[in-house]
Amino acid sequence: MPASNRPLSNRMGRDFIARHGETVFNIAARMQGDHPHTPLTRAGFAQADAMGAALRALLGAKPKLTLWSSSAGRALQTLAIIAEHLELDWHQTKTDDRLIEIGMGAWSGRYYADLQKEVGTFLDLEHGLYTRPPEGGEWYDSIAVRVSGWLADTDQDPGDRLVIMHGMSSRILRGVMTGAHVMPQFGASVAPDLPQGSIVRIEHGVEQIVHLGTGRGAAPA
């Protein structure tokens, strides 16, 4: 396969990339995508709590971290709990729309069961990725462009940083950052799926799982 078009990075710090906790859309089996505000469930709060405890054990109190988040409410809720564990000021969080989840177009907000009846399979089960959504949706090559742009624009962030994202978009960001091969059928570098509430550390292009969440994998984003 061809190599990825990973942007060159001079970052010396570590990047902790995390997937938010479970939401009310996830538990109801609805297509969440780039919906801006879908609140966490009790399980989602528990997952965020575990993420915060794991990072506190690893980094200690008040670590020097640049806080980044998708602008979606579920990501910001997750980060609020983590920041409390780390004794960091959540209000210092930087948000960027380029970190949001995949756009699902006309599928957005639809119940999985209804979509299954209407269009058949909407998930590539082998890879845990959505199939191409209808007009108005987003494909993985577009996600790669926007997260690569974010990487290039934030290359000078000092030291370590924590980035709270989503299931699909975080897989593309991680794929780009680790130089994973482009998957031709998806047009992008794709990292392995991890359950909600998971955190990886990427340093000099090498990824390591530092906390494996207890949430769902694949489709619920």
Foldseek 3Di string as FASTA:
>chain_A
DAWAPFDDFPAQAKEKEAEAFAFPCNVQQAQAFQPQETAHDPRRQVLLLVLLVLVCVVQNAPHPAAEEEENGHRLLVSVVNSCVSNVHDSVNYHYDNLQAGWFQAPRHGGHPVVCCVVPNAQAPVVQLHGDRHDPPTDALLVSLVSLSVVCVVCSPPPHYYYYYHHFFSSQQNLQSLLRAGQDVVRRGGGHHKAFHSWIWMAGPSDIDTSGGTPHDIRDDD
